[in-house]
Amino acid sequence: MMSHVNRRHFIMLTGASLVSLSIPAIAQPNQLRLAFIPQENPDKLLGDIEAITSWLSMEIGVPVEGFVTIDHAAAVEALRNGDADISFMGALPFVLAEKEIGAVPLLSEVYRDAPSYTGRIFVRHDSGIKTLADLEGRDIAFADPISESGYMYPLAEFERAGLISNLNAAEDFLGRIFFAGGYQQAMQAMAEGLVDAAGASQYADLLLTPEQQSQVTWIAESKSIPSHVVIARPELDPGLRKSFVAAMMKLNKAEHRNKLRHLYGPDGYVKADPSVFDEVRNMAKRYGLL
């Protein structure tokens, strides 16, 4: 899956190395293990995980534990190996996990009353970059090589603009291509001038400081993308799966909505509809990812 990224690089920003990458013990039937991807500062995410798993443990009645994976691929591998029962991830890694291990979609995030969002190409106001064409020979940071809003969809905008013929041809148009490990890390690299642009979720600028937010803008926006999804390994006990979904749906109620900030900050959850991922599946096939 990574063979085509020979000229691409990985950025490690402050805090990213704080995540424990130890392999968790295989989950037992009377507990749940949740895998989280590092979309934002992993140090903050570790605190969020502790808060939400403590609440879920009380709601479901079994111990719930969570850990942060190094990236989307590691989350899929954790599900495959039984090291995780459930994972929070984007639409692209889900369709890959669906193909590889039969992963089951449980819940979709809702943002601003819609279970969808977009990817954008962000730049600094003072960069002089106004269009995608201005990024010729310039360096760019994406979140993850198997992220839909943090790679595939934003990069596809260069193809729609007639600047590249396919994803692999991006190396002939852009300068260096970096994978930063998450939305916040990619945005931080752009805001600090380490790269000229960042490809990330439409909401990724909210992960910057208020001062940095005022210094960045976006120059391209992708087509609509199914929002991030919560998925389960197919062998997960049906009773535990049902209890987990019921507990998560309680987060839509007013008295529990404050807990959503510990889960990447969506506005709520809806039951996942597998059919909404058809376009992602088609794009992944077209670009040789599926």
C-alpha atoms as a PDB file:
ATOM      1  CA  MET A   1       0.000   0.000   0.000  1.00  0.00           C
ATOM      2  CA  MET A   2       2.962   2.297   0.648  1.00  0.00           C
ATOM      3  CA  SER A   3       5.070   1.340  -2.367  1.00  0.00           C
ATOM      4  CA  HIS A   4       4.133   4.469  -4.341  1.00  0.00           C
ATOM      5  CA  VAL A   5       5.322   6.958  -1.723  1.00  0.00           C
ATOM      6  CA  ASN A   6       9.053   6.657  -2.379  1.00  0.00           C
ATOM      7  CA  ARG A   7       9.580  10.428  -2.498  1.00  0.00           C
ATOM      8  CA  ARG A   8       7.234  11.167   0.362  1.00  0.00           C
ATOM      9  CA  HIS A   9       8.253  11.885   3.893  1.00  0.00           C
ATOM     10  CA  PHE A  10       6.953  11.770   7.423  1.00  0.00           C
ATOM     11  CA  ILE A  11       6.957  14.754   9.801  1.00  0.00           C
ATOM     12  CA  MET A  12       7.164  14.181  13.549  1.00  0.00           C
ATOM     13  CA  LEU A  13       5.974  17.257  15.440  1.00  0.00           C
ATOM     14  CA  THR A  14       6.128  17.997  19.161  1.00  0.00           C
ATOM     15  CA  GLY A  15       3.901  15.625  21.092  1.00  0.00           C
ATOM     16  CA  ALA A  16       3.528  13.022  18.364  1.00  0.00           C
ATOM     17  CA  SER A  17       6.136  10.742  19.938  1.00  0.00           C
ATOM     18  CA  LEU A  18       4.305  10.739  23.271  1.00  0.00           C
ATOM     19  CA  VAL A  19       1.900   8.000  22.168  1.00  0.00           C
ATOM     20  CA  SER A  20       2.539   4.537  23.535  1.00  0.00           C
ATOM     21  CA  LEU A  21       2.953   2.190  20.580  1.00  0.00           C
ATOM     22  CA  SER A  22       3.090  -0.992  22.648  1.00  0.00           C
ATOM     23  CA  ILE A  23       0.957  -3.826  21.324  1.00  0.00           C
ATOM     24  CA  PRO A  24      -2.126  -4.233  23.529  1.00  0.00           C
ATOM     25  CA  ALA A  25      -3.215  -7.595  24.861  1.00  0.00           C
ATOM     26  CA  ILE A  26      -5.845  -9.429  22.841  1.00  0.00           C
ATOM     27  CA  ALA A  27      -9.290  -8.367  23.971  1.00  0.00           C
ATOM     28  CA  GLN A  28     -11.339 -10.794  26.075  1.00  0.00           C
ATOM     29  CA  PRO A  29     -15.095 -11.383  25.508  1.00  0.00           C
ATOM     30  CA  ASN A  30     -15.989  -9.510  28.705  1.00  0.00           C
ATOM     31  CA  GLN A  31     -14.236  -6.298  27.801  1.00  0.00           C
ATOM     32  CA  LEU A  32     -13.949  -3.830  24.918  1.00  0.00           C
ATOM     33  CA  ARG A  33     -10.738  -2.425  23.473  1.00  0.00           C
ATOM     34  CA  LEU A  34     -11.015   0.731  21.355  1.00  0.00           C
ATOM     35  CA  ALA A  35      -8.405   1.912  18.850  1.00  0.00           C
ATOM     36  CA  PHE A  36      -8.136   5.667  18.227  1.00  0.00           C
ATOM     37  CA  ILE A  37      -6.263   7.317  15.360  1.00  0.00           C
ATOM     38  CA  PRO A  38      -4.076  10.387  16.075  1.00  0.00           C
ATOM     39  CA  GLN A  39      -6.026  13.074  14.194  1.00  0.00           C
ATOM     40  CA  GLU A  40      -4.991  15.663  16.765  1.00  0.00           C
ATOM     41  CA  ASN A  41      -2.265  16.105  19.363  1.00  0.00           C
ATOM     42  CA  PRO A  42      -1.784  12.593  20.770  1.00  0.00           C
ATOM     43  CA  ASP A  43      -1.012  13.964  24.233  1.00  0.00           C
ATOM     44  CA  LYS A  44      -4.518  15.522  24.389  1.00  0.00           C
ATOM     45  CA  LEU A  45      -6.070  12.422  22.858  1.00  0.00           C
ATOM     46  CA  LEU A  46      -4.751  10.217  25.642  1.00  0.00           C
ATOM     47  CA  GLY A  47      -6.660  12.304  28.189  1.00  0.00           C
ATOM     48  CA  ASP A  48      -9.810  12.205  26.060  1.00  0.00           C
ATOM     49  CA  ILE A  49      -9.597   8.426  25.795  1.00  0.00           C
ATOM     50  CA  GLU A  50      -9.418   8.007  29.554  1.00  0.00           C
ATOM     51  CA  ALA A  51     -12.479  10.207  30.021  1.00  0.00           C
ATOM     52  CA  ILE A  52     -14.687   8.509  27.426  1.00  0.00           C
ATOM     53  CA  THR A  53     -13.675   4.921  28.219  1.00  0.00           C
ATOM     54  CA  SER A  54     -14.454   5.473  31.907  1.00  0.00           C
ATOM     55  CA  TRP A  55     -17.966   6.623  30.985  1.00  0.00           C
ATOM     56  CA  LEU A  56     -18.483   3.800  28.493  1.00  0.00           C
ATOM     57  CA  SER A  57     -17.387   1.252  31.104  1.00  0.00           C
ATOM     58  CA  MET A  58     -20.156   2.407  33.416  1.00  0.00           C
ATOM     59  CA  GLU A  59     -22.762   2.492  30.643  1.00  0.00           C
ATOM     60  CA  ILE A  60     -21.961  -0.904  29.138  1.00  0.00           C
ATOM     61  CA  GLY A  61     -21.073  -2.724  32.327  1.00  0.00           C
ATOM     62  CA  VAL A  62     -17.753  -4.179  31.149  1.00  0.00           C
ATOM     63  CA  PRO A  63     -14.224  -2.726  31.258  1.00  0.00           C
ATOM     64  CA  VAL A  64     -13.556  -0.478  28.265  1.00  0.00           C
ATOM     65  CA  GLU A  65      -9.973   0.414  27.391  1.00  0.00           C
ATOM     66  CA  GLY A  66      -8.522   2.533  24.619  1.00  0.00           C
ATOM     67  CA  PHE A  67      -5.195   3.138  22.957  1.00  0.00           C
ATOM     68  CA  VAL A  68      -3.802   5.378  20.212  1.00  0.00           C
ATOM     69  CA  THR A  69      -2.430   3.784  17.062  1.00  0.00           C
ATOM     70  CA  ILE A  70       0.396   5.318  15.052  1.00  0.00           C
ATOM     71  CA  ASP A  71      -1.883   5.721  12.001  1.00  0.00           C
ATOM     72  CA  HIS A  72      -4.948   4.361  10.186  1.00  0.00           C
ATOM     73  CA  ALA A  73      -3.143   1.266   8.931  1.00  0.00           C
ATOM     74  CA  ALA A  74      -2.159   0.307  12.472  1.00  0.00           C
ATOM     75  CA  ALA A  75      -5.795   0.628  13.576  1.00  0.00           C
ATOM     76  CA  VAL A  76      -6.895  -1.750  10.815  1.00  0.00           C
ATOM     77  CA  GLU A  77      -4.145  -4.174  11.797  1.00  0.00           C
ATOM     78  CA  ALA A  78      -5.232  -4.027  15.449  1.00  0.00           C
ATOM     79  CA  LEU A  79      -8.756  -5.039  14.416  1.00  0.00           C
ATOM     80  CA  ARG A  80      -7.384  -7.813  12.222  1.00  0.00           C
ATOM     81  CA  ASN A  81      -5.276  -9.252  15.037  1.00  0.00           C
ATOM     82  CA  GLY A  82      -7.969  -8.942  17.693  1.00  0.00           C
ATOM     83  CA  ASP A  83      -5.899  -6.354  19.561  1.00  0.00           C
ATOM     84  CA  ALA A  84      -8.888  -3.998  19.184  1.00  0.00           C
ATOM     85  CA  ASP A  85     -12.612  -4.656  18.985  1.00  0.00           C
ATOM     86  CA  ILE A  86     -13.739  -1.253  17.731  1.00  0.00           C
ATOM     87  CA  SER A  87     -11.983   1.648  16.032  1.00  0.00           C
ATOM     88  CA  PHE A  88     -12.715   5.259  15.134  1.00  0.00           C
ATOM     89  CA  MET A  89     -11.464   6.046  11.631  1.00  0.00           C
ATOM     90  CA  GLY A  90     -12.082   7.726   8.323  1.00  0.00           C
ATOM     91  CA  ALA A  91     -14.110   6.438   5.392  1.00  0.00           C
ATOM     92  CA  LEU A  92     -11.125   5.319   3.307  1.00  0.00           C
ATOM     93  CA  PRO A  93      -9.460   3.166   5.979  1.00  0.00           C
ATOM     94  CA  PHE A  94     -12.898   1.736   6.739  1.00  0.00           C
ATOM     95  CA  VAL A  95     -13.464   0.531   3.164  1.00  0.00           C
ATOM     96  CA  LEU A  96      -9.952  -0.965   3.196  1.00  0.00           C
ATOM     97  CA  ALA A  97     -10.717  -2.712   6.506  1.00  0.00           C
ATOM     98  CA  GLU A  98     -14.051  -3.850   5.092  1.00  0.00           C
ATOM     99  CA  LYS A  99     -12.280  -5.455   2.129  1.00  0.00           C
ATOM    100  CA  GLU A 100      -9.402  -6.932   4.113  1.00  0.00           C
ATOM    101  CA  ILE A 101     -11.063  -8.184   7.303  1.00  0.00           C
ATOM    102  CA  GLY A 102     -14.816  -7.766   6.838  1.00  0.00           C
ATOM    103  CA  ALA A 103     -15.026  -4.808   9.247  1.00  0.00           C
ATOM    104  CA  VAL A 104     -18.572  -3.734  10.136  1.00  0.00           C
ATOM    105  CA  PRO A 105     -19.633  -0.040  10.223  1.00  0.00           C
ATOM    106  CA  LEU A 106     -21.557   0.844  13.377  1.00  0.00           C
ATOM    107  CA  LEU A 107     -21.876   4.629  13.649  1.00  0.00           C
ATOM    108  CA  SER A 108     -21.185   7.718  11.558  1.00  0.00           C
ATOM    109  CA  GLU A 109     -20.267  11.099  12.971  1.00  0.00           C
ATOM    110  CA  VAL A 110     -22.563  14.052  12.408  1.00  0.00           C
ATOM    111  CA  TYR A 111     -21.203  17.566  11.907  1.00  0.00           C
ATOM    112  CA  ARG A 112     -23.573  20.504  11.568  1.00  0.00           C
ATOM    113  CA  ASP A 113     -26.549  18.175  11.074  1.00  0.00           C
ATOM    114  CA  ALA A 114     -24.895  16.220   8.236  1.00  0.00           C
ATOM    115  CA  PRO A 115     -23.011  12.876   8.223  1.00  0.00           C
ATOM    116  CA  SER A 116     -20.545  14.289   5.695  1.00  0.00           C
ATOM    117  CA  TYR A 117     -17.799  16.882   5.302  1.00  0.00           C
ATOM    118  CA  THR A 118     -15.065  17.889   2.852  1.00  0.00           C
ATOM    119  CA  GLY A 119     -11.307  18.010   2.498  1.00  0.00           C
ATOM    120  CA  ARG A 120      -9.438  21.227   1.782  1.00  0.00           C
ATOM    121  CA  ILE A 121      -6.036  22.501   0.709  1.00  0.00           C
ATOM    122  CA  PHE A 122      -4.877  25.098   3.243  1.00  0.00           C
ATOM    123  CA  VAL A 123      -2.155  27.747   2.849  1.00  0.00           C
ATOM    124  CA  ARG A 124      -0.919  30.772   4.781  1.00  0.00           C
ATOM    125  CA  HIS A 125      -2.341  34.157   3.826  1.00  0.00           C
ATOM    126  CA  ASP A 126       1.155  35.594   3.355  1.00  0.00           C
ATOM    127  CA  SER A 127       2.341  32.751   1.088  1.00  0.00           C
ATOM    128  CA  GLY A 128       1.184  34.383  -2.131  1.00  0.00           C
ATOM    129  CA  ILE A 129      -0.468  31.081  -3.093  1.00  0.00           C
ATOM    130  CA  LYS A 130      -3.922  31.701  -4.554  1.00  0.00           C
ATOM    131  CA  THR A 131      -4.669  28.617  -6.657  1.00  0.00           C
ATOM    132  CA  LEU A 132      -3.640  24.987  -6.866  1.00  0.00           C
ATOM    133  CA  ALA A 133      -1.507  25.841  -9.892  1.00  0.00           C
ATOM    134  CA  ASP A 134       0.607  28.060  -7.626  1.00  0.00           C
ATOM    135  CA  LEU A 135       1.676  24.959  -5.688  1.00  0.00           C
ATOM    136  CA  GLU A 136       3.780  23.628  -8.559  1.00  0.00           C
ATOM    137  CA  GLY A 137       7.113  22.570  -7.081  1.00  0.00           C
ATOM    138  CA  ARG A 138       5.948  23.480  -3.556  1.00  0.00           C
ATOM    139  CA  ASP A 139       5.988  21.226  -0.491  1.00  0.00           C
ATOM    140  CA  ILE A 140       2.736  19.926   1.011  1.00  0.00           C
ATOM    141  CA  ALA A 141       1.783  17.982   4.134  1.00  0.00           C
ATOM    142  CA  PHE A 142      -1.070  15.504   4.253  1.00  0.00           C
ATOM    143  CA  ALA A 143      -2.389  13.745   7.329  1.00  0.00           C
ATOM    144  CA  ASP A 144      -2.073  10.071   6.381  1.00  0.00           C
ATOM    145  CA  PRO A 145      -1.581   8.082   3.141  1.00  0.00           C
ATOM    146  CA  ILE A 146      -4.828   6.165   3.734  1.00  0.00           C
ATOM    147  CA  SER A 147      -6.954   9.113   4.814  1.00  0.00           C
ATOM    148  CA  GLU A 148      -9.823  10.321   2.635  1.00  0.00           C
ATOM    149  CA  SER A 149     -10.002  13.963   3.812  1.00  0.00           C
ATOM    150  CA  GLY A 150      -6.344  14.047   4.814  1.00  0.00           C
ATOM    151  CA  TYR A 151      -5.021  12.779   1.481  1.00  0.00           C
ATOM    152  CA  MET A 152      -7.126  11.150  -1.258  1.00  0.00           C
ATOM    153  CA  TYR A 153      -9.910  13.711  -1.669  1.00  0.00           C
ATOM    154  CA  PRO A 154      -7.762  16.882  -1.362  1.00  0.00           C
ATOM    155  CA  LEU A 155      -5.166  15.453  -3.738  1.00  0.00           C
ATOM    156  CA  ALA A 156      -7.906  14.520  -6.197  1.00  0.00           C
ATOM    157  CA  GLU A 157      -8.603  18.257  -6.545  1.00  0.00           C
ATOM    158  CA  PHE A 158      -5.289  18.607  -8.382  1.00  0.00           C
ATOM    159  CA  GLU A 159      -6.557  16.016 -10.858  1.00  0.00           C
ATOM    160  CA  ARG A 160      -9.917  17.779 -11.221  1.00  0.00           C
ATOM    161  CA  ALA A 161      -8.006  20.990 -11.939  1.00  0.00           C
ATOM    162  CA  GLY A 162      -6.093  19.252 -14.740  1.00  0.00           C
ATOM    163  CA  LEU A 163      -2.729  19.606 -12.978  1.00  0.00           C
ATOM    164  CA  ILE A 164      -2.025  15.885 -12.509  1.00  0.00           C
ATOM    165  CA  SER A 165      -3.298  12.763 -14.272  1.00  0.00           C
ATOM    166  CA  ASN A 166      -3.610  10.563 -11.166  1.00  0.00           C
ATOM    167  CA  LEU A 167      -2.473  10.381  -7.539  1.00  0.00           C
ATOM    168  CA  ASN A 168       0.964   9.012  -8.360  1.00  0.00           C
ATOM    169  CA  ALA A 169       1.589  11.849 -10.830  1.00  0.00           C
ATOM    170  CA  ALA A 170       1.422  14.336  -7.935  1.00  0.00           C
ATOM    171  CA  GLU A 171       5.142  13.768  -7.402  1.00  0.00           C
ATOM    172  CA  ASP A 172       5.845  15.279 -10.818  1.00  0.00           C
ATOM    173  CA  PHE A 173       3.856  18.438 -10.059  1.00  0.00           C
ATOM    174  CA  LEU A 174       4.381  19.115  -6.360  1.00  0.00           C
ATOM    175  CA  GLY A 175       7.638  19.396  -4.470  1.00  0.00           C
ATOM    176  CA  ARG A 176       8.091  17.143  -1.460  1.00  0.00           C
ATOM    177  CA  ILE A 177       5.027  15.321  -0.124  1.00  0.00           C
ATOM    178  CA  PHE A 178       4.926  14.738   3.623  1.00  0.00           C
ATOM    179  CA  PHE A 179       2.624  12.641   5.799  1.00  0.00           C
ATOM    180  CA  ALA A 180       2.436  14.283   9.201  1.00  0.00           C
ATOM    181  CA  GLY A 181       0.454  11.651  11.088  1.00  0.00           C
ATOM    182  CA  GLY A 182      -2.763  13.602  11.673  1.00  0.00           C
ATOM    183  CA  TYR A 183      -4.802  16.699  10.801  1.00  0.00           C
ATOM    184  CA  GLN A 184      -3.339  18.856  13.538  1.00  0.00           C
ATOM    185  CA  GLN A 185       0.223  17.868  12.722  1.00  0.00           C
ATOM    186  CA  ALA A 186      -0.231  18.624   8.999  1.00  0.00           C
ATOM    187  CA  MET A 187      -1.858  21.971   9.730  1.00  0.00           C
ATOM    188  CA  GLN A 188       0.831  22.872  12.249  1.00  0.00           C
ATOM    189  CA  ALA A 189       3.555  22.120   9.714  1.00  0.00           C
ATOM    190  CA  MET A 190       1.884  24.489   7.230  1.00  0.00           C
ATOM    191  CA  ALA A 191       1.192  27.212   9.809  1.00  0.00           C
ATOM    192  CA  GLU A 192       4.802  27.141  11.011  1.00  0.00           C
ATOM    193  CA  GLY A 193       6.173  27.368   7.471  1.00  0.00           C
ATOM    194  CA  LEU A 194       7.669  23.874   7.368  1.00  0.00           C
ATOM    195  CA  VAL A 195       5.628  23.236   4.201  1.00  0.00           C
ATOM    196  CA  ASP A 196       3.732  25.493   1.802  1.00  0.00           C
ATOM    197  CA  ALA A 197       0.333  23.798   2.050  1.00  0.00           C
ATOM    198  CA  ALA A 198      -1.642  21.198   3.959  1.00  0.00           C
ATOM    199  CA  GLY A 199      -4.351  18.784   2.864  1.00  0.00           C
ATOM    200  CA  ALA A 200      -6.815  18.074   5.663  1.00  0.00           C
ATOM    201  CA  SER A 201     -10.439  18.089   6.821  1.00  0.00           C
ATOM    202  CA  GLN A 202     -12.468  21.259   6.325  1.00  0.00           C
ATOM    203  CA  TYR A 203     -12.503  21.628  10.113  1.00  0.00           C
ATOM    204  CA  ALA A 204      -8.777  21.056  10.609  1.00  0.00           C
ATOM    205  CA  ASP A 205      -7.969  24.757  10.976  1.00  0.00           C
ATOM    206  CA  LEU A 206      -9.919  24.689  14.252  1.00  0.00           C
ATOM    207  CA  LEU A 207      -7.066  22.594  15.651  1.00  0.00           C
ATOM    208  CA  LEU A 208      -4.725  25.591  15.335  1.00  0.00           C
ATOM    209  CA  THR A 209      -4.413  28.404  17.835  1.00  0.00           C
ATOM    210  CA  PRO A 210      -6.720  31.416  17.263  1.00  0.00           C
ATOM    211  CA  GLU A 211      -3.733  33.453  16.078  1.00  0.00           C
ATOM    212  CA  GLN A 212      -2.716  30.762  13.587  1.00  0.00           C
ATOM    213  CA  GLN A 213      -6.306  30.400  12.368  1.00  0.00           C
ATOM    214  CA  SER A 214      -6.302  34.070  11.362  1.00  0.00           C
ATOM    215  CA  GLN A 215      -3.144  33.490   9.324  1.00  0.00           C
ATOM    216  CA  VAL A 216      -4.384  30.612   7.145  1.00  0.00           C
ATOM    217  CA  THR A 217      -6.975  30.134   4.426  1.00  0.00           C
ATOM    218  CA  TRP A 218      -8.004  27.440   1.968  1.00  0.00           C
ATOM    219  CA  ILE A 219      -7.762  27.479  -1.832  1.00  0.00           C
ATOM    220  CA  ALA A 220      -9.565  24.267  -2.850  1.00  0.00           C
ATOM    221  CA  GLU A 221     -12.332  22.098  -1.437  1.00  0.00           C
ATOM    222  CA  SER A 222     -13.176  18.518  -2.315  1.00  0.00           C
ATOM    223  CA  LYS A 223     -16.463  16.855  -3.062  1.00  0.00           C
ATOM    224  CA  SER A 224     -18.580  15.719  -0.114  1.00  0.00           C
ATOM    225  CA  ILE A 225     -17.067  12.867   1.915  1.00  0.00           C
ATOM    226  CA  PRO A 226     -18.883  10.468   4.246  1.00  0.00           C
ATOM    227  CA  SER A 227     -17.971  11.453   7.784  1.00  0.00           C
ATOM    228  CA  HIS A 228     -15.707   9.431  10.024  1.00  0.00           C
ATOM    229  CA  VAL A 229     -17.088   6.100  11.098  1.00  0.00           C
ATOM    230  CA  VAL A 230     -16.919   3.799  14.106  1.00  0.00           C
ATOM    231  CA  ILE A 231     -16.298   0.220  13.013  1.00  0.00           C
ATOM    232  CA  ALA A 232     -16.025  -3.209  14.641  1.00  0.00           C
ATOM    233  CA  ARG A 233     -14.156  -6.400  13.861  1.00  0.00           C
ATOM    234  CA  PRO A 234     -16.660  -8.959  12.502  1.00  0.00           C
ATOM    235  CA  GLU A 235     -16.053 -11.450  15.334  1.00  0.00           C
ATOM    236  CA  LEU A 236     -17.066  -9.011  18.081  1.00  0.00           C
ATOM    237  CA  ASP A 237     -19.768 -10.451  20.341  1.00  0.00           C
ATOM    238  CA  PRO A 238     -23.158  -9.181  19.026  1.00  0.00           C
ATOM    239  CA  GLY A 239     -24.337  -8.349  22.542  1.00  0.00           C
ATOM    240  CA  LEU A 240     -21.309  -6.164  23.252  1.00  0.00           C
ATOM    241  CA  ARG A 241     -21.667  -4.526  19.860  1.00  0.00           C
ATOM    242  CA  LYS A 242     -25.316  -3.687  20.568  1.00  0.00           C
ATOM    243  CA  SER A 243     -24.503  -2.351  24.048  1.00  0.00           C
ATOM    244  CA  PHE A 244     -21.711  -0.161  22.680  1.00  0.00           C
ATOM    245  CA  VAL A 245     -23.930   1.338  19.975  1.00  0.00           C
ATOM    246  CA  ALA A 246     -26.699   2.023  22.506  1.00  0.00           C
ATOM    247  CA  ALA A 247     -24.258   3.796  24.821  1.00  0.00           C
ATOM    248  CA  MET A 248     -22.802   5.887  22.009  1.00  0.00           C
ATOM    249  CA  MET A 249     -26.246   6.962  20.823  1.00  0.00           C
ATOM    250  CA  LYS A 250     -26.865   8.385  24.310  1.00  0.00           C
ATOM    251  CA  LEU A 251     -24.243  11.024  23.444  1.00  0.00           C
ATOM    252  CA  ASN A 252     -26.882  12.677  21.241  1.00  0.00           C
ATOM    253  CA  LYS A 253     -28.889  13.559  24.342  1.00  0.00           C
ATOM    254  CA  ALA A 254     -28.447  17.017  25.859  1.00  0.00           C
ATOM    255  CA  GLU A 255     -27.198  15.711  29.193  1.00  0.00           C
ATOM    256  CA  HIS A 256     -24.350  13.791  27.547  1.00  0.00           C
ATOM    257  CA  ARG A 257     -23.389  16.019  24.600  1.00  0.00           C
ATOM    258  CA  ASN A 258     -20.489  17.566  26.515  1.00  0.00           C
ATOM    259  CA  LYS A 259     -18.739  14.190  26.298  1.00  0.00           C
ATOM    260  CA  LEU A 260     -18.512  14.443  22.504  1.00  0.00           C
ATOM    261  CA  ARG A 261     -15.448  16.661  22.917  1.00  0.00           C
ATOM    262  CA  HIS A 262     -13.585  13.525  24.002  1.00  0.00           C
ATOM    263  CA  LEU A 263     -14.379  11.824  20.667  1.00  0.00           C
ATOM    264  CA  TYR A 264     -12.862  14.239  18.132  1.00  0.00           C
ATOM    265  CA  GLY A 265     -15.712  16.714  18.725  1.00  0.00           C
ATOM    266  CA  PRO A 266     -18.573  15.654  16.425  1.00  0.00           C
ATOM    267  CA  ASP A 267     -22.070  17.041  16.933  1.00  0.00           C
ATOM    268  CA  GLY A 268     -23.423  13.528  17.415  1.00  0.00           C
ATOM    269  CA  TYR A 269     -23.777  10.057  15.898  1.00  0.00           C
ATOM    270  CA  VAL A 270     -26.179   8.206  13.596  1.00  0.00           C
ATOM    271  CA  LYS A 271     -26.347   4.522  12.684  1.00  0.00           C
ATOM    272  CA  ALA A 272     -23.940   3.898   9.821  1.00  0.00           C
ATOM    273  CA  ASP A 273     -25.317   3.255   6.329  1.00  0.00           C
ATOM    274  CA  PRO A 274     -22.839   1.079   4.356  1.00  0.00           C
ATOM    275  CA  SER A 275     -24.172   2.363   1.011  1.00  0.00           C
ATOM    276  CA  VAL A 276     -22.941   5.941   1.594  1.00  0.00           C
ATOM    277  CA  PHE A 277     -19.365   4.713   1.213  1.00  0.00           C
ATOM    278  CA  ASP A 278     -19.836   3.550  -2.397  1.00  0.00           C
ATOM    279  CA  GLU A 279     -18.082   6.580  -3.893  1.00  0.00           C
ATOM    280  CA  VAL A 280     -15.155   6.131  -1.520  1.00  0.00           C
ATOM    281  CA  ARG A 281     -14.938   2.493  -2.584  1.00  0.00           C
ATOM    282  CA  ASN A 282     -14.967   3.537  -6.248  1.00  0.00           C
ATOM    283  CA  MET A 283     -12.290   6.193  -5.741  1.00  0.00           C
ATOM    284  CA  ALA A 284     -10.105   3.764  -3.819  1.00  0.00           C
ATOM    285  CA  LYS A 285     -10.370   1.263  -6.693  1.00  0.00           C
ATOM    286  CA  ARG A 286      -9.633   3.923  -9.301  1.00  0.00           C
ATOM    287  CA  TYR A 287      -6.526   5.069  -7.477  1.00  0.00           C
ATOM    288  CA  GLY A 288      -5.282   1.543  -6.849  1.00  0.00           C
ATOM    289  CA  LEU A 289      -5.843   1.615  -3.100  1.00  0.00           C
ATOM    290  CA  LEU A 290      -8.509  -1.094  -3.037  1.00  0.00           C
END
